[in-house]
Amino acid sequence: MANEPRDPMPLEEPMFILENGEMYRNQTEVKMSQIVLPCHANYCGELSAGQLLKWMDSTACLSAERHAGCSCITASVDDIHFETTIGVGQVVNITAKVNRAFTSSMEVCGNIF
């Protein structure tokens, strides 16, 4: 009996309910989860800020590219607040979505939890 190729599971798009009750899907929302390994940590066993910024940038870039349909780069970052440390073995969940789009640039917002 030959193995038949299976269809990949469809990705579930995030759903939002507007005030008027209509359903809305944000096609630019990207969610990424990363487990913190020892190679991602500093000498204290905490996730290095540089690694976290790299993951954030990758997630935001995917969101921007999904919106634009072409390659995108990060031009600037407005503000970042580190509230707590993340240790080895913990999972970092990052979300990003395009808030506003202009002629040749866009604003991407991200959250980490």
PDB file of N, CA and C in Angstrom:
ATOM      1  N   MET A   1       0.838  -1.173   0.000  1.00  0.00           N
ATOM      2  CA  MET A   1       0.000   0.000   0.000  1.00  0.00           C
ATOM      3  C   MET A   1       0.889   1.245   0.000  1.00  0.00           C
ATOM      4  N   ALA A   2       0.696   2.098  -0.957  1.00  0.00           N
ATOM      5  CA  ALA A   2       1.522   3.302  -1.090  1.00  0.00           C
ATOM      6  C   ALA A   2       0.993   4.406  -0.193  1.00  0.00           C
ATOM      7  N   ASN A   3       1.914   5.201   0.277  1.00  0.00           N
ATOM      8  CA  ASN A   3       1.503   6.359   1.071  1.00  0.00           C
ATOM      9  C   ASN A   3       0.978   7.435   0.141  1.00  0.00           C
ATOM     10  N   GLU A   4      -0.211   7.901   0.432  1.00  0.00           N
ATOM     11  CA  GLU A   4      -0.796   8.959  -0.371  1.00  0.00           C
ATOM     12  C   GLU A   4      -0.471  10.293   0.272  1.00  0.00           C
ATOM     13  N   PRO A   5      -0.157  11.296  -0.552  1.00  0.00           N
ATOM     14  CA  PRO A   5       0.113  12.612   0.033  1.00  0.00           C
ATOM     15  C   PRO A   5      -1.147  13.159   0.686  1.00  0.00           C
ATOM     16  N   ARG A   6      -0.948  13.753   1.846  1.00  0.00           N
ATOM     17  CA  ARG A   6      -2.083  14.332   2.560  1.00  0.00           C
ATOM     18  C   ARG A   6      -2.089  15.832   2.347  1.00  0.00           C
ATOM     19  N   ASP A   7      -3.277  16.381   2.276  1.00  0.00           N
ATOM     20  CA  ASP A   7      -3.408  17.835   2.160  1.00  0.00           C
ATOM     21  C   ASP A   7      -2.961  18.464   3.461  1.00  0.00           C
ATOM     22  N   PRO A   8      -2.162  19.534   3.385  1.00  0.00           N
ATOM     23  CA  PRO A   8      -1.776  20.211   4.616  1.00  0.00           C
ATOM     24  C   PRO A   8      -3.001  20.832   5.271  1.00  0.00           C
ATOM     25  N   MET A   9      -2.957  20.919   6.601  1.00  0.00           N
ATOM     26  CA  MET A   9      -4.071  21.530   7.314  1.00  0.00           C
ATOM     27  C   MET A   9      -4.131  23.007   6.964  1.00  0.00           C
ATOM     28  N   PRO A  10      -5.317  23.510   6.653  1.00  0.00           N
ATOM     29  CA  PRO A  10      -5.410  24.939   6.338  1.00  0.00           C
ATOM     30  C   PRO A  10      -5.114  25.768   7.579  1.00  0.00           C
ATOM     31  N   LEU A  11      -4.431  26.899   7.368  1.00  0.00           N
ATOM     32  CA  LEU A  11      -4.145  27.784   8.475  1.00  0.00           C
ATOM     33  C   LEU A  11      -5.410  28.537   8.853  1.00  0.00           C
ATOM     34  N   GLU A  12      -5.657  28.623  10.134  1.00  0.00           N
ATOM     35  CA  GLU A  12      -6.837  29.323  10.601  1.00  0.00           C
ATOM     36  C   GLU A  12      -6.528  30.815  10.676  1.00  0.00           C
ATOM     37  N   GLU A  13      -7.309  31.599   9.972  1.00  0.00           N
ATOM     38  CA  GLU A  13      -7.110  33.046   9.971  1.00  0.00           C
ATOM     39  C   GLU A  13      -7.722  33.641  11.232  1.00  0.00           C
ATOM     40  N   PRO A  14      -7.078  34.652  11.820  1.00  0.00           N
ATOM     41  CA  PRO A  14      -7.640  35.289  12.999  1.00  0.00           C
ATOM     42  C   PRO A  14      -8.946  35.993  12.663  1.00  0.00           C
ATOM     43  N   MET A  15      -9.933  35.846  13.521  1.00  0.00           N
ATOM     44  CA  MET A  15     -11.241  36.448  13.307  1.00  0.00           C
ATOM     45  C   MET A  15     -11.457  37.555  14.327  1.00  0.00           C
ATOM     46  N   PHE A  16     -12.059  38.635  13.883  1.00  0.00           N
ATOM     47  CA  PHE A  16     -12.407  39.747  14.755  1.00  0.00           C
ATOM     48  C   PHE A  16     -13.865  40.078  14.541  1.00  0.00           C
ATOM     49  N   ILE A  17     -14.528  40.486  15.593  1.00  0.00           N
ATOM     50  CA  ILE A  17     -15.927  40.890  15.497  1.00  0.00           C
ATOM     51  C   ILE A  17     -15.983  42.400  15.684  1.00  0.00           C
ATOM     52  N   LEU A  18     -16.510  43.098  14.683  1.00  0.00           N
ATOM     53  CA  LEU A  18     -16.647  44.542  14.757  1.00  0.00           C
ATOM     54  C   LEU A  18     -17.845  44.907  15.617  1.00  0.00           C
ATOM     55  N   GLU A  19     -17.956  46.178  15.983  1.00  0.00           N
ATOM     56  CA  GLU A  19     -19.046  46.626  16.850  1.00  0.00           C
ATOM     57  C   GLU A  19     -20.415  46.353  16.239  1.00  0.00           C
ATOM     58  N   ASN A  20     -20.514  46.396  14.924  1.00  0.00           N
ATOM     59  CA  ASN A  20     -21.807  46.154  14.279  1.00  0.00           C
ATOM     60  C   ASN A  20     -22.091  44.661  14.105  1.00  0.00           C
ATOM     61  N   GLY A  21     -21.228  43.790  14.624  1.00  0.00           N
ATOM     62  CA  GLY A  21     -21.452  42.352  14.581  1.00  0.00           C
ATOM     63  C   GLY A  21     -20.838  41.646  13.388  1.00  0.00           C
ATOM     64  N   GLU A  22     -20.271  42.397  12.443  1.00  0.00           N
ATOM     65  CA  GLU A  22     -19.662  41.779  11.269  1.00  0.00           C
ATOM     66  C   GLU A  22     -18.338  41.114  11.646  1.00  0.00           C
ATOM     67  N   MET A  23     -18.014  40.031  10.927  1.00  0.00           N
ATOM     68  CA  MET A  23     -16.756  39.332  11.139  1.00  0.00           C
ATOM     69  C   MET A  23     -15.688  39.970  10.256  1.00  0.00           C
ATOM     70  N   TYR A  24     -14.475  40.079  10.780  1.00  0.00           N
ATOM     71  CA  TYR A  24     -13.376  40.704  10.060  1.00  0.00           C
ATOM     72  C   TYR A  24     -12.129  39.855  10.230  1.00  0.00           C
ATOM     73  N   ARG A  25     -11.408  39.612   9.164  1.00  0.00           N
ATOM     74  CA  ARG A  25     -10.140  38.878   9.205  1.00  0.00           C
ATOM     75  C   ARG A  25      -9.022  39.836   8.849  1.00  0.00           C
ATOM     76  N   ASN A  26      -8.002  39.887   9.699  1.00  0.00           N
ATOM     77  CA  ASN A  26      -6.831  40.697   9.401  1.00  0.00           C
ATOM     78  C   ASN A  26      -5.826  39.805   8.695  1.00  0.00           C
ATOM     79  N   GLN A  27      -5.714  39.979   7.393  1.00  0.00           N
ATOM     80  CA  GLN A  27      -4.843  39.122   6.584  1.00  0.00           C
ATOM     81  C   GLN A  27      -3.370  39.356   6.859  1.00  0.00           C
ATOM     82  N   THR A  28      -3.033  40.444   7.549  1.00  0.00           N
ATOM     83  CA  THR A  28      -1.621  40.734   7.792  1.00  0.00           C
ATOM     84  C   THR A  28      -1.135  40.213   9.141  1.00  0.00           C
ATOM     85  N   GLU A  29      -2.014  39.673   9.972  1.00  0.00           N
ATOM     86  CA  GLU A  29      -1.586  39.230  11.298  1.00  0.00           C
ATOM     87  C   GLU A  29      -0.740  37.960  11.204  1.00  0.00           C
ATOM     88  N   VAL A  30       0.422  38.007  11.836  1.00  0.00           N
ATOM     89  CA  VAL A  30       1.350  36.881  11.858  1.00  0.00           C
ATOM     90  C   VAL A  30       1.636  36.545  13.309  1.00  0.00           C
ATOM     91  N   LYS A  31       1.588  35.265  13.630  1.00  0.00           N
ATOM     92  CA  LYS A  31       1.911  34.803  14.979  1.00  0.00           C
ATOM     93  C   LYS A  31       3.088  33.837  14.891  1.00  0.00           C
ATOM     94  N   MET A  32       4.074  34.029  15.769  1.00  0.00           N
ATOM     95  CA  MET A  32       5.241  33.157  15.791  1.00  0.00           C
ATOM     96  C   MET A  32       5.524  32.771  17.228  1.00  0.00           C
ATOM     97  N   SER A  33       5.864  31.516  17.445  1.00  0.00           N
ATOM     98  CA  SER A  33       6.263  31.032  18.762  1.00  0.00           C
ATOM     99  C   SER A  33       7.669  30.468  18.680  1.00  0.00           C
ATOM    100  N   GLN A  34       8.488  30.814  19.665  1.00  0.00           N
ATOM    101  CA  GLN A  34       9.871  30.342  19.726  1.00  0.00           C
ATOM    102  C   GLN A  34      10.157  29.854  21.141  1.00  0.00           C
ATOM    103  N   ILE A  35      10.821  28.728  21.255  1.00  0.00           N
ATOM    104  CA  ILE A  35      11.283  28.267  22.556  1.00  0.00           C
ATOM    105  C   ILE A  35      12.696  28.809  22.759  1.00  0.00           C
ATOM    106  N   VAL A  36      12.964  29.274  23.965  1.00  0.00           N
ATOM    107  CA  VAL A  36      14.263  29.851  24.269  1.00  0.00           C
ATOM    108  C   VAL A  36      15.238  28.721  24.592  1.00  0.00           C
ATOM    109  N   LEU A  37      16.248  28.578  23.765  1.00  0.00           N
ATOM    110  CA  LEU A  37      17.281  27.566  23.935  1.00  0.00           C
ATOM    111  C   LEU A  37      18.519  28.210  24.559  1.00  0.00           C
ATOM    112  N   PRO A  38      19.434  27.408  25.091  1.00  0.00           N
ATOM    113  CA  PRO A  38      20.651  27.983  25.676  1.00  0.00           C
ATOM    114  C   PRO A  38      21.441  28.867  24.709  1.00  0.00           C
ATOM    115  N   CYS A  39      21.395  28.567  23.425  1.00  0.00           N
ATOM    116  CA  CYS A  39      22.126  29.390  22.452  1.00  0.00           C
ATOM    117  C   CYS A  39      21.491  30.775  22.281  1.00  0.00           C
ATOM    118  N   HIS A  40      20.267  30.971  22.744  1.00  0.00           N
ATOM    119  CA  HIS A  40      19.592  32.267  22.668  1.00  0.00           C
ATOM    120  C   HIS A  40      19.793  33.099  23.925  1.00  0.00           C
ATOM    121  N   ALA A  41      20.426  32.513  24.930  1.00  0.00           N
ATOM    122  CA  ALA A  41      20.507  33.156  26.241  1.00  0.00           C
ATOM    123  C   ALA A  41      21.855  33.817  26.487  1.00  0.00           C
ATOM    124  N   ASN A  42      21.843  34.741  27.436  1.00  0.00           N
ATOM    125  CA  ASN A  42      23.088  35.365  27.886  1.00  0.00           C
ATOM    126  C   ASN A  42      23.682  34.514  29.013  1.00  0.00           C
ATOM    127  N   TYR A  43      24.717  35.008  29.648  1.00  0.00           N
ATOM    128  CA  TYR A  43      25.393  34.232  30.695  1.00  0.00           C
ATOM    129  C   TYR A  43      24.523  34.029  31.940  1.00  0.00           C
ATOM    130  N   CYS A  44      23.442  34.796  32.082  1.00  0.00           N
ATOM    131  CA  CYS A  44      22.527  34.643  33.228  1.00  0.00           C
ATOM    132  C   CYS A  44      21.410  33.633  32.943  1.00  0.00           C
ATOM    133  N   GLY A  45      21.394  33.072  31.746  1.00  0.00           N
ATOM    134  CA  GLY A  45      20.339  32.125  31.383  1.00  0.00           C
ATOM    135  C   GLY A  45      19.044  32.797  30.960  1.00  0.00           C
ATOM    136  N   GLU A  46      19.136  34.063  30.574  1.00  0.00           N
ATOM    137  CA  GLU A  46      17.965  34.819  30.132  1.00  0.00           C
ATOM    138  C   GLU A  46      18.080  35.112  28.641  1.00  0.00           C
ATOM    139  N   LEU A  47      16.946  35.181  27.975  1.00  0.00           N
ATOM    140  CA  LEU A  47      16.922  35.489  26.553  1.00  0.00           C
ATOM    141  C   LEU A  47      17.625  36.817  26.302  1.00  0.00           C
ATOM    142  N   SER A  48      18.550  36.839  25.353  1.00  0.00           N
ATOM    143  CA  SER A  48      19.261  38.082  25.052  1.00  0.00           C
ATOM    144  C   SER A  48      18.324  39.019  24.296  1.00  0.00           C
ATOM    145  N   ALA A  49      18.477  40.306  24.574  1.00  0.00           N
ATOM    146  CA  ALA A  49      17.628  41.311  23.939  1.00  0.00           C
ATOM    147  C   ALA A  49      17.801  41.299  22.422  1.00  0.00           C
ATOM    148  N   GLY A  50      19.022  41.086  21.965  1.00  0.00           N
ATOM    149  CA  GLY A  50      19.269  41.046  20.523  1.00  0.00           C
ATOM    150  C   GLY A  50      18.514  39.928  19.829  1.00  0.00           C
ATOM    151  N   GLN A  51      18.453  38.755  20.453  1.00  0.00           N
ATOM    152  CA  GLN A  51      17.724  37.630  19.869  1.00  0.00           C
ATOM    153  C   GLN A  51      16.234  37.930  19.817  1.00  0.00           C
ATOM    154  N   LEU A  52      15.716  38.524  20.892  1.00  0.00           N
ATOM    155  CA  LEU A  52      14.299  38.884  20.912  1.00  0.00           C
ATOM    156  C   LEU A  52      13.990  39.905  19.814  1.00  0.00           C
ATOM    157  N   LEU A  53      14.851  40.893  19.654  1.00  0.00           N
ATOM    158  CA  LEU A  53      14.646  41.888  18.595  1.00  0.00           C
ATOM    159  C   LEU A  53      14.687  41.244  17.212  1.00  0.00           C
ATOM    160  N   LYS A  54      15.553  40.266  17.031  1.00  0.00           N
ATOM    161  CA  LYS A  54      15.630  39.553  15.752  1.00  0.00           C
ATOM    162  C   LYS A  54      14.318  38.833  15.462  1.00  0.00           C
ATOM    163  N   TRP A  55      13.773  38.137  16.467  1.00  0.00           N
ATOM    164  CA  TRP A  55      12.500  37.442  16.289  1.00  0.00           C
ATOM    165  C   TRP A  55      11.370  38.431  16.006  1.00  0.00           C
ATOM    166  N   MET A  56      11.371  39.559  16.728  1.00  0.00           N
ATOM    167  CA  MET A  56      10.342  40.575  16.509  1.00  0.00           C
ATOM    168  C   MET A  56      10.427  41.125  15.088  1.00  0.00           C
ATOM    169  N   ASP A  57      11.638  41.395  14.625  1.00  0.00           N
ATOM    170  CA  ASP A  57      11.825  41.943  13.284  1.00  0.00           C
ATOM    171  C   ASP A  57      11.375  40.951  12.214  1.00  0.00           C
ATOM    172  N   SER A  58      11.681  39.679  12.409  1.00  0.00           N
ATOM    173  CA  SER A  58      11.265  38.655  11.438  1.00  0.00           C
ATOM    174  C   SER A  58       9.748  38.567  11.361  1.00  0.00           C
ATOM    175  N   THR A  59       9.082  38.604  12.504  1.00  0.00           N
ATOM    176  CA  THR A  59       7.617  38.525  12.539  1.00  0.00           C
ATOM    177  C   THR A  59       6.997  39.748  11.881  1.00  0.00           C
ATOM    178  N   ALA A  60       7.514  40.935  12.207  1.00  0.00           N
ATOM    179  CA  ALA A  60       6.990  42.169  11.613  1.00  0.00           C
ATOM    180  C   ALA A  60       7.229  42.194  10.105  1.00  0.00           C
ATOM    181  N   CYS A  61       8.371  41.702   9.678  1.00  0.00           N
ATOM    182  CA  CYS A  61       8.688  41.668   8.249  1.00  0.00           C
ATOM    183  C   CYS A  61       7.732  40.744   7.496  1.00  0.00           C
ATOM    184  N   LEU A  62       7.424  39.599   8.066  1.00  0.00           N
ATOM    185  CA  LEU A  62       6.464  38.685   7.428  1.00  0.00           C
ATOM    186  C   LEU A  62       5.101  39.341   7.281  1.00  0.00           C
ATOM    187  N   SER A  63       4.676  40.073   8.311  1.00  0.00           N
ATOM    188  CA  SER A  63       3.397  40.764   8.251  1.00  0.00           C
ATOM    189  C   SER A  63       3.408  41.823   7.150  1.00  0.00           C
ATOM    190  N   ALA A  64       4.471  42.612   7.091  1.00  0.00           N
ATOM    191  CA  ALA A  64       4.581  43.659   6.074  1.00  0.00           C
ATOM    192  C   ALA A  64       4.624  43.063   4.668  1.00  0.00           C
ATOM    193  N   GLU A  65       5.375  41.980   4.498  1.00  0.00           N
ATOM    194  CA  GLU A  65       5.473  41.348   3.184  1.00  0.00           C
ATOM    195  C   GLU A  65       4.159  40.710   2.765  1.00  0.00           C
ATOM    196  N   ARG A  66       3.415  40.193   3.714  1.00  0.00           N
ATOM    197  CA  ARG A  66       2.096  39.639   3.395  1.00  0.00           C
ATOM    198  C   ARG A  66       1.186  40.746   2.880  1.00  0.00           C
ATOM    199  N   HIS A  67       1.284  41.924   3.488  1.00  0.00           N
ATOM    200  CA  HIS A  67       0.457  43.053   3.053  1.00  0.00           C
ATOM    201  C   HIS A  67       0.912  43.592   1.697  1.00  0.00           C
ATOM    202  N   ALA A  68       2.232  43.792   1.546  1.00  0.00           N
ATOM    203  CA  ALA A  68       2.757  44.428   0.332  1.00  0.00           C
ATOM    204  C   ALA A  68       2.860  43.491  -0.860  1.00  0.00           C
ATOM    205  N   GLY A  69       3.053  42.209  -0.590  1.00  0.00           N
ATOM    206  CA  GLY A  69       3.224  41.259  -1.685  1.00  0.00           C
ATOM    207  C   GLY A  69       4.611  41.303  -2.290  1.00  0.00           C
ATOM    208  N   CYS A  70       5.557  41.898  -1.584  1.00  0.00           N
ATOM    209  CA  CYS A  70       6.942  41.958  -2.065  1.00  0.00           C
ATOM    210  C   CYS A  70       7.869  42.051  -0.851  1.00  0.00           C
ATOM    211  N   SER A  71       9.170  42.052  -1.089  1.00  0.00           N
ATOM    212  CA  SER A  71      10.144  42.125  -0.001  1.00  0.00           C
ATOM    213  C   SER A  71      10.058  43.462   0.720  1.00  0.00           C
ATOM    214  N   CYS A  72      10.249  43.425   2.034  1.00  0.00           N
ATOM    215  CA  CYS A  72      10.206  44.631   2.853  1.00  0.00           C
ATOM    216  C   CYS A  72      11.404  44.642   3.800  1.00  0.00           C
ATOM    217  N   ILE A  73      11.754  45.820   4.269  1.00  0.00           N
ATOM    218  CA  ILE A  73      12.824  45.969   5.247  1.00  0.00           C
ATOM    219  C   ILE A  73      12.334  46.860   6.381  1.00  0.00           C
ATOM    220  N   THR A  74      12.998  46.765   7.533  1.00  0.00           N
ATOM    221  CA  THR A  74      12.683  47.624   8.666  1.00  0.00           C
ATOM    222  C   THR A  74      13.494  48.908   8.536  1.00  0.00           C
ATOM    223  N   ALA A  75      12.798  50.050   8.547  1.00  0.00           N
ATOM    224  CA  ALA A  75      13.471  51.338   8.452  1.00  0.00           C
ATOM    225  C   ALA A  75      13.732  51.917   9.835  1.00  0.00           C
ATOM    226  N   SER A  76      12.805  51.704  10.760  1.00  0.00           N
ATOM    227  CA  SER A  76      12.988  52.231  12.113  1.00  0.00           C
ATOM    228  C   SER A  76      12.084  51.503  13.089  1.00  0.00           C
ATOM    229  N   VAL A  77      12.421  51.635  14.359  1.00  0.00           N
ATOM    230  CA  VAL A  77      11.614  51.083  15.452  1.00  0.00           C
ATOM    231  C   VAL A  77      11.351  52.244  16.402  1.00  0.00           C
ATOM    232  N   ASP A  78      10.103  52.473  16.731  1.00  0.00           N
ATOM    233  CA  ASP A  78       9.752  53.622  17.564  1.00  0.00           C
ATOM    234  C   ASP A  78      10.044  53.409  19.044  1.00  0.00           C
ATOM    235  N   ASP A  79       9.556  52.317  19.602  1.00  0.00           N
ATOM    236  CA  ASP A  79       9.612  52.193  21.050  1.00  0.00           C
ATOM    237  C   ASP A  79       9.564  50.729  21.462  1.00  0.00           C
ATOM    238  N   ILE A  80      10.393  50.367  22.429  1.00  0.00           N
ATOM    239  CA  ILE A  80      10.397  49.011  22.975  1.00  0.00           C
ATOM    240  C   ILE A  80      10.540  49.115  24.484  1.00  0.00           C
ATOM    241  N   HIS A  81       9.713  48.369  25.204  1.00  0.00           N
ATOM    242  CA  HIS A  81       9.789  48.318  26.663  1.00  0.00           C
ATOM    243  C   HIS A  81       9.974  46.868  27.084  1.00  0.00           C
ATOM    244  N   PHE A  82      11.036  46.581  27.812  1.00  0.00           N
ATOM    245  CA  PHE A  82      11.266  45.245  28.355  1.00  0.00           C
ATOM    246  C   PHE A  82      10.765  45.254  29.793  1.00  0.00           C
ATOM    247  N   GLU A  83       9.737  44.470  30.067  1.00  0.00           N
ATOM    248  CA  GLU A  83       9.125  44.475  31.391  1.00  0.00           C
ATOM    249  C   GLU A  83       9.618  43.349  32.284  1.00  0.00           C
ATOM    250  N   THR A  84       9.998  42.234  31.707  1.00  0.00           N
ATOM    251  CA  THR A  84      10.429  41.092  32.495  1.00  0.00           C
ATOM    252  C   THR A  84      11.440  40.278  31.695  1.00  0.00           C
ATOM    253  N   THR A  85      12.152  39.408  32.375  1.00  0.00           N
ATOM    254  CA  THR A  85      13.110  38.545  31.677  1.00  0.00           C
ATOM    255  C   THR A  85      12.427  37.254  31.242  1.00  0.00           C
ATOM    256  N   ILE A  86      13.020  36.619  30.264  1.00  0.00           N
ATOM    257  CA  ILE A  86      12.517  35.342  29.746  1.00  0.00           C
ATOM    258  C   ILE A  86      13.656  34.351  29.859  1.00  0.00           C
ATOM    259  N   GLY A  87      13.405  33.236  30.521  1.00  0.00           N
ATOM    260  CA  GLY A  87      14.449  32.255  30.766  1.00  0.00           C
ATOM    261  C   GLY A  87      14.496  31.136  29.747  1.00  0.00           C
ATOM    262  N   VAL A  88      15.592  30.389  29.789  1.00  0.00           N
ATOM    263  CA  VAL A  88      15.756  29.224  28.923  1.00  0.00           C
ATOM    264  C   VAL A  88      14.633  28.227  29.215  1.00  0.00           C
ATOM    265  N   GLY A  89      14.063  27.671  28.173  1.00  0.00           N
ATOM    266  CA  GLY A  89      12.972  26.702  28.309  1.00  0.00           C
ATOM    267  C   GLY A  89      11.589  27.319  28.188  1.00  0.00           C
ATOM    268  N   GLN A  90      11.495  28.633  28.298  1.00  0.00           N
ATOM    269  CA  GLN A  90      10.205  29.284  28.157  1.00  0.00           C
ATOM    270  C   GLN A  90       9.890  29.512  26.684  1.00  0.00           C
ATOM    271  N   VAL A  91       8.603  29.678  26.386  1.00  0.00           N
ATOM    272  CA  VAL A  91       8.154  29.913  25.017  1.00  0.00           C
ATOM    273  C   VAL A  91       7.785  31.382  24.870  1.00  0.00           C
ATOM    274  N   VAL A  92       8.246  31.985  23.792  1.00  0.00           N
ATOM    275  CA  VAL A  92       7.941  33.376  23.476  1.00  0.00           C
ATOM    276  C   VAL A  92       6.944  33.380  22.321  1.00  0.00           C
ATOM    277  N   ASN A  93       5.816  34.056  22.504  1.00  0.00           N
ATOM    278  CA  ASN A  93       4.808  34.199  21.463  1.00  0.00           C
ATOM    279  C   ASN A  93       4.823  35.636  20.986  1.00  0.00           C
ATOM    280  N   ILE A  94       5.006  35.816  19.689  1.00  0.00           N
ATOM    281  CA  ILE A  94       5.098  37.152  19.101  1.00  0.00           C
ATOM    282  C   ILE A  94       4.013  37.288  18.042  1.00  0.00           C
ATOM    283  N   THR A  95       3.290  38.400  18.082  1.00  0.00           N
ATOM    284  CA  THR A  95       2.309  38.692  17.039  1.00  0.00           C
ATOM    285  C   THR A  95       2.653  40.040  16.409  1.00  0.00           C
ATOM    286  N   ALA A  96       2.352  40.172  15.138  1.00  0.00           N
ATOM    287  CA  ALA A  96       2.560  41.429  14.425  1.00  0.00           C
ATOM    288  C   ALA A  96       1.456  41.593  13.396  1.00  0.00           C
ATOM    289  N   LYS A  97       1.075  42.830  13.175  1.00  0.00           N
ATOM    290  CA  LYS A  97       0.075  43.116  12.134  1.00  0.00           C
ATOM    291  C   LYS A  97       0.268  44.536  11.633  1.00  0.00           C
ATOM    292  N   VAL A  98      -0.121  44.762  10.398  1.00  0.00           N
ATOM    293  CA  VAL A  98      -0.028  46.083   9.790  1.00  0.00           C
ATOM    294  C   VAL A  98      -1.173  46.933  10.319  1.00  0.00           C
ATOM    295  N   ASN A  99      -0.829  48.076  10.920  1.00  0.00           N
ATOM    296  CA  ASN A  99      -1.849  49.005  11.418  1.00  0.00           C
ATOM    297  C   ASN A  99      -2.264  50.011  10.356  1.00  0.00           C
ATOM    298  N   ARG A 100      -1.266  50.580   9.680  1.00  0.00           N
ATOM    299  CA  ARG A 100      -1.530  51.587   8.653  1.00  0.00           C
ATOM    300  C   ARG A 100      -0.566  51.380   7.491  1.00  0.00           C
ATOM    301  N   ALA A 101      -1.047  51.673   6.295  1.00  0.00           N
ATOM    302  CA  ALA A 101      -0.201  51.567   5.102  1.00  0.00           C
ATOM    303  C   ALA A 101      -0.279  52.865   4.318  1.00  0.00           C
ATOM    304  N   PHE A 102       0.866  53.288   3.807  1.00  0.00           N
ATOM    305  CA  PHE A 102       0.966  54.519   3.044  1.00  0.00           C
ATOM    306  C   PHE A 102       1.470  54.168   1.644  1.00  0.00           C
ATOM    307  N   THR A 103       1.953  55.145   0.896  1.00  0.00           N
ATOM    308  CA  THR A 103       2.394  54.907  -0.473  1.00  0.00           C
ATOM    309  C   THR A 103       3.596  53.968  -0.539  1.00  0.00           C
ATOM    310  N   SER A 104       4.619  54.241   0.247  1.00  0.00           N
ATOM    311  CA  SER A 104       5.825  53.418   0.178  1.00  0.00           C
ATOM    312  C   SER A 104       6.293  52.946   1.548  1.00  0.00           C
ATOM    313  N   SER A 105       5.435  53.036   2.555  1.00  0.00           N
ATOM    314  CA  SER A 105       5.797  52.580   3.894  1.00  0.00           C
ATOM    315  C   SER A 105       4.543  52.108   4.618  1.00  0.00           C
ATOM    316  N   MET A 106       4.759  51.472   5.762  1.00  0.00           N
ATOM    317  CA  MET A 106       3.628  51.017   6.561  1.00  0.00           C
ATOM    318  C   MET A 106       4.037  50.950   8.022  1.00  0.00           C
ATOM    319  N   GLU A 107       3.050  50.922   8.883  1.00  0.00           N
ATOM    320  CA  GLU A 107       3.267  50.824  10.314  1.00  0.00           C
ATOM    321  C   GLU A 107       2.846  49.433  10.752  1.00  0.00           C
ATOM    322  N   VAL A 108       3.771  48.715  11.398  1.00  0.00           N
ATOM    323  CA  VAL A 108       3.494  47.369  11.870  1.00  0.00           C
ATOM    324  C   VAL A 108       3.580  47.378  13.398  1.00  0.00           C
ATOM    325  N   CYS A 109       2.574  46.847  14.054  1.00  0.00           N
ATOM    326  CA  CYS A 109       2.541  46.792  15.511  1.00  0.00           C
ATOM    327  C   CYS A 109       2.762  45.351  15.951  1.00  0.00           C
ATOM    328  N   GLY A 110       3.508  45.175  17.025  1.00  0.00           N
ATOM    329  CA  GLY A 110       3.784  43.831  17.515  1.00  0.00           C
ATOM    330  C   GLY A 110       3.587  43.721  19.014  1.00  0.00           C
ATOM    331  N   ASN A 111       3.318  42.513  19.468  1.00  0.00           N
ATOM    332  CA  ASN A 111       3.177  42.205  20.884  1.00  0.00           C
ATOM    333  C   ASN A 111       3.920  40.921  21.199  1.00  0.00           C
ATOM    334  N   ILE A 112       4.413  40.849  22.410  1.00  0.00           N
ATOM    335  CA  ILE A 112       5.106  39.652  22.884  1.00  0.00           C
ATOM    336  C   ILE A 112       4.422  39.201  24.163  1.00  0.00           C
ATOM    337  N   PHE A 113       4.150  37.908  24.242  1.00  0.00           N
ATOM    338  CA  PHE A 113       3.574  37.376  25.477  1.00  0.00           C
ATOM    339  C   PHE A 113       4.053  35.976  25.700  1.00  0.00           C
TER     340      PHE A 113
END
